[in-house]
Amino acid sequence: MNRTLTKSPGARLRPLASPHVLRVRADEGGRPIAVWFGRKWDRVEAIRESWRIDDEWWRDPVSREYHVVVLEGGRVATIYRDLWGSGWYRQG
């Protein structure tokens, strides 16, 4: 089946899963050990996956280190550290 996606008149495009600023405690190696979600520090019980993205160096450099973390209580979050700006963010 061949489908064509069209944009309806007047529709605005919005970014999905915009990042949110986070407070993160990290160990000496830069790995997250606790995340502040507004009420208390949630301890990181495990890091499921980590990866790094370095891109668009010819324009505005992007350098991020991502972690999928399991927090106490089982909550899972994708967070990243902006290696250029040194801030931490939650993705989505």
C-alpha atoms as a PDB file:
ATOM      1  CA  MET A   1       0.000   0.000   0.000  1.00  0.00           C
ATOM      2  CA  ASN A   2       1.409   3.390  -0.966  1.00  0.00           C
ATOM      3  CA  ARG A   3       0.630   6.210   1.478  1.00  0.00           C
ATOM      4  CA  THR A   4       1.480   9.872   1.146  1.00  0.00           C
ATOM      5  CA  LEU A   5       1.787  12.035   4.236  1.00  0.00           C
ATOM      6  CA  THR A   6       0.419  15.536   3.885  1.00  0.00           C
ATOM      7  CA  LYS A   7       0.417  18.495   6.224  1.00  0.00           C
ATOM      8  CA  SER A   8      -3.013  19.963   6.859  1.00  0.00           C
ATOM      9  CA  PRO A   9      -3.370  23.711   6.202  1.00  0.00           C
ATOM     10  CA  GLY A  10      -2.570  25.816   9.257  1.00  0.00           C
ATOM     11  CA  ALA A  11      -0.896  22.950  11.110  1.00  0.00           C
ATOM     12  CA  ARG A  12       2.218  23.884  13.047  1.00  0.00           C
ATOM     13  CA  LEU A  13       5.168  21.593  13.525  1.00  0.00           C
ATOM     14  CA  ARG A  14       6.293  21.117  17.118  1.00  0.00           C
ATOM     15  CA  PRO A  15       9.372  19.375  18.411  1.00  0.00           C
ATOM     16  CA  LEU A  16       8.620  16.066  20.092  1.00  0.00           C
ATOM     17  CA  ALA A  17      10.168  14.989  23.342  1.00  0.00           C
ATOM     18  CA  SER A  18      11.841  18.296  24.134  1.00  0.00           C
ATOM     19  CA  PRO A  19      14.584  17.966  26.753  1.00  0.00           C
ATOM     20  CA  HIS A  20      14.068  19.206  30.321  1.00  0.00           C
ATOM     21  CA  VAL A  21      16.854  20.571  32.537  1.00  0.00           C
ATOM     22  CA  LEU A  22      17.827  18.210  35.373  1.00  0.00           C
ATOM     23  CA  ARG A  23      19.966  18.258  38.475  1.00  0.00           C
ATOM     24  CA  VAL A  24      22.172  15.164  38.488  1.00  0.00           C
ATOM     25  CA  ARG A  25      24.834  13.897  40.872  1.00  0.00           C
ATOM     26  CA  ALA A  26      27.599  12.020  39.070  1.00  0.00           C
ATOM     27  CA  ASP A  27      30.547   9.908  40.179  1.00  0.00           C
ATOM     28  CA  GLU A  28      34.205  10.639  39.388  1.00  0.00           C
ATOM     29  CA  GLY A  29      33.800   9.046  35.950  1.00  0.00           C
ATOM     30  CA  GLY A  30      30.826  11.249  35.047  1.00  0.00           C
ATOM     31  CA  ARG A  31      28.214   8.480  35.396  1.00  0.00           C
ATOM     32  CA  PRO A  32      24.920   9.534  37.030  1.00  0.00           C
ATOM     33  CA  ILE A  33      24.329   8.267  40.562  1.00  0.00           C
ATOM     34  CA  ALA A  34      21.257  10.330  41.560  1.00  0.00           C
ATOM     35  CA  VAL A  35      18.654  12.490  39.796  1.00  0.00           C
ATOM     36  CA  TRP A  36      16.537  15.310  41.270  1.00  0.00           C
ATOM     37  CA  PHE A  37      12.956  15.295  39.960  1.00  0.00           C
ATOM     38  CA  GLY A  38      11.651  18.186  42.049  1.00  0.00           C
ATOM     39  CA  ARG A  39      10.846  16.488  45.350  1.00  0.00           C
ATOM     40  CA  LYS A  40      13.839  14.398  46.285  1.00  0.00           C
ATOM     41  CA  TRP A  41      16.992  12.776  44.973  1.00  0.00           C
ATOM     42  CA  ASP A  42      16.250   9.430  43.280  1.00  0.00           C
ATOM     43  CA  ARG A  43      19.182   7.051  43.410  1.00  0.00           C
ATOM     44  CA  VAL A  44      20.271   5.454  40.124  1.00  0.00           C
ATOM     45  CA  GLU A  45      20.046   1.693  40.668  1.00  0.00           C
ATOM     46  CA  ALA A  46      21.356   0.715  37.234  1.00  0.00           C
ATOM     47  CA  ILE A  47      22.468   2.127  33.917  1.00  0.00           C
ATOM     48  CA  ARG A  48      20.881   0.000  31.186  1.00  0.00           C
ATOM     49  CA  GLU A  49      22.602   1.622  28.243  1.00  0.00           C
ATOM     50  CA  SER A  50      25.009   4.467  27.483  1.00  0.00           C
ATOM     51  CA  TRP A  51      26.065   6.081  24.207  1.00  0.00           C
ATOM     52  CA  ARG A  52      27.630   9.269  22.947  1.00  0.00           C
ATOM     53  CA  ILE A  53      26.651  11.516  20.048  1.00  0.00           C
ATOM     54  CA  ASP A  54      29.063  13.950  18.405  1.00  0.00           C
ATOM     55  CA  ASP A  55      27.565  15.673  15.376  1.00  0.00           C
ATOM     56  CA  GLU A  56      27.347  18.823  13.256  1.00  0.00           C
ATOM     57  CA  TRP A  57      30.809  20.037  14.175  1.00  0.00           C
ATOM     58  CA  TRP A  58      30.850  22.177  11.024  1.00  0.00           C
ATOM     59  CA  ARG A  59      27.874  24.294  12.246  1.00  0.00           C
ATOM     60  CA  ASP A  60      26.847  24.184  15.883  1.00  0.00           C
ATOM     61  CA  PRO A  61      28.636  21.314  17.572  1.00  0.00           C
ATOM     62  CA  VAL A  62      26.551  18.725  19.395  1.00  0.00           C
ATOM     63  CA  SER A  63      28.269  16.491  21.896  1.00  0.00           C
ATOM     64  CA  ARG A  64      26.096  14.514  24.302  1.00  0.00           C
ATOM     65  CA  GLU A  65      26.497  11.486  26.516  1.00  0.00           C
ATOM     66  CA  TYR A  66      23.197   9.602  26.955  1.00  0.00           C
ATOM     67  CA  HIS A  67      22.214   7.122  29.680  1.00  0.00           C
ATOM     68  CA  VAL A  68      19.089   5.031  30.114  1.00  0.00           C
ATOM     69  CA  VAL A  69      18.870   4.790  33.902  1.00  0.00           C
ATOM     70  CA  VAL A  70      16.749   2.732  36.272  1.00  0.00           C
ATOM     71  CA  LEU A  71      15.904   4.762  39.360  1.00  0.00           C
ATOM     72  CA  GLU A  72      14.904   3.496  42.781  1.00  0.00           C
ATOM     73  CA  GLY A  73      11.348   2.246  42.581  1.00  0.00           C
ATOM     74  CA  GLY A  74      11.853   1.017  39.010  1.00  0.00           C
ATOM     75  CA  ARG A  75      11.287   4.264  37.104  1.00  0.00           C
ATOM     76  CA  VAL A  76      13.234   4.343  33.817  1.00  0.00           C
ATOM     77  CA  ALA A  77      14.486   7.616  32.331  1.00  0.00           C
ATOM     78  CA  THR A  78      16.660   8.665  29.408  1.00  0.00           C
ATOM     79  CA  ILE A  79      19.006  11.439  30.475  1.00  0.00           C
ATOM     80  CA  TYR A  80      21.987  13.091  28.856  1.00  0.00           C
ATOM     81  CA  ARG A  81      24.864  15.400  29.672  1.00  0.00           C
ATOM     82  CA  ASP A  82      25.599  18.208  27.232  1.00  0.00           C
ATOM     83  CA  LEU A  83      29.377  17.997  26.953  1.00  0.00           C
ATOM     84  CA  TRP A  84      29.615  21.505  25.465  1.00  0.00           C
ATOM     85  CA  GLY A  85      27.361  23.217  27.970  1.00  0.00           C
ATOM     86  CA  SER A  86      27.971  20.839  30.900  1.00  0.00           C
ATOM     87  CA  GLY A  87      24.274  20.642  31.808  1.00  0.00           C
ATOM     88  CA  TRP A  88      22.131  17.553  32.370  1.00  0.00           C
ATOM     89  CA  TYR A  89      18.769  16.968  30.688  1.00  0.00           C
ATOM     90  CA  ARG A  90      15.899  14.463  30.628  1.00  0.00           C
ATOM     91  CA  GLN A  91      14.859  13.437  27.133  1.00  0.00           C
ATOM     92  CA  GLY A  92      11.097  13.253  26.724  1.00  0.00           C
END
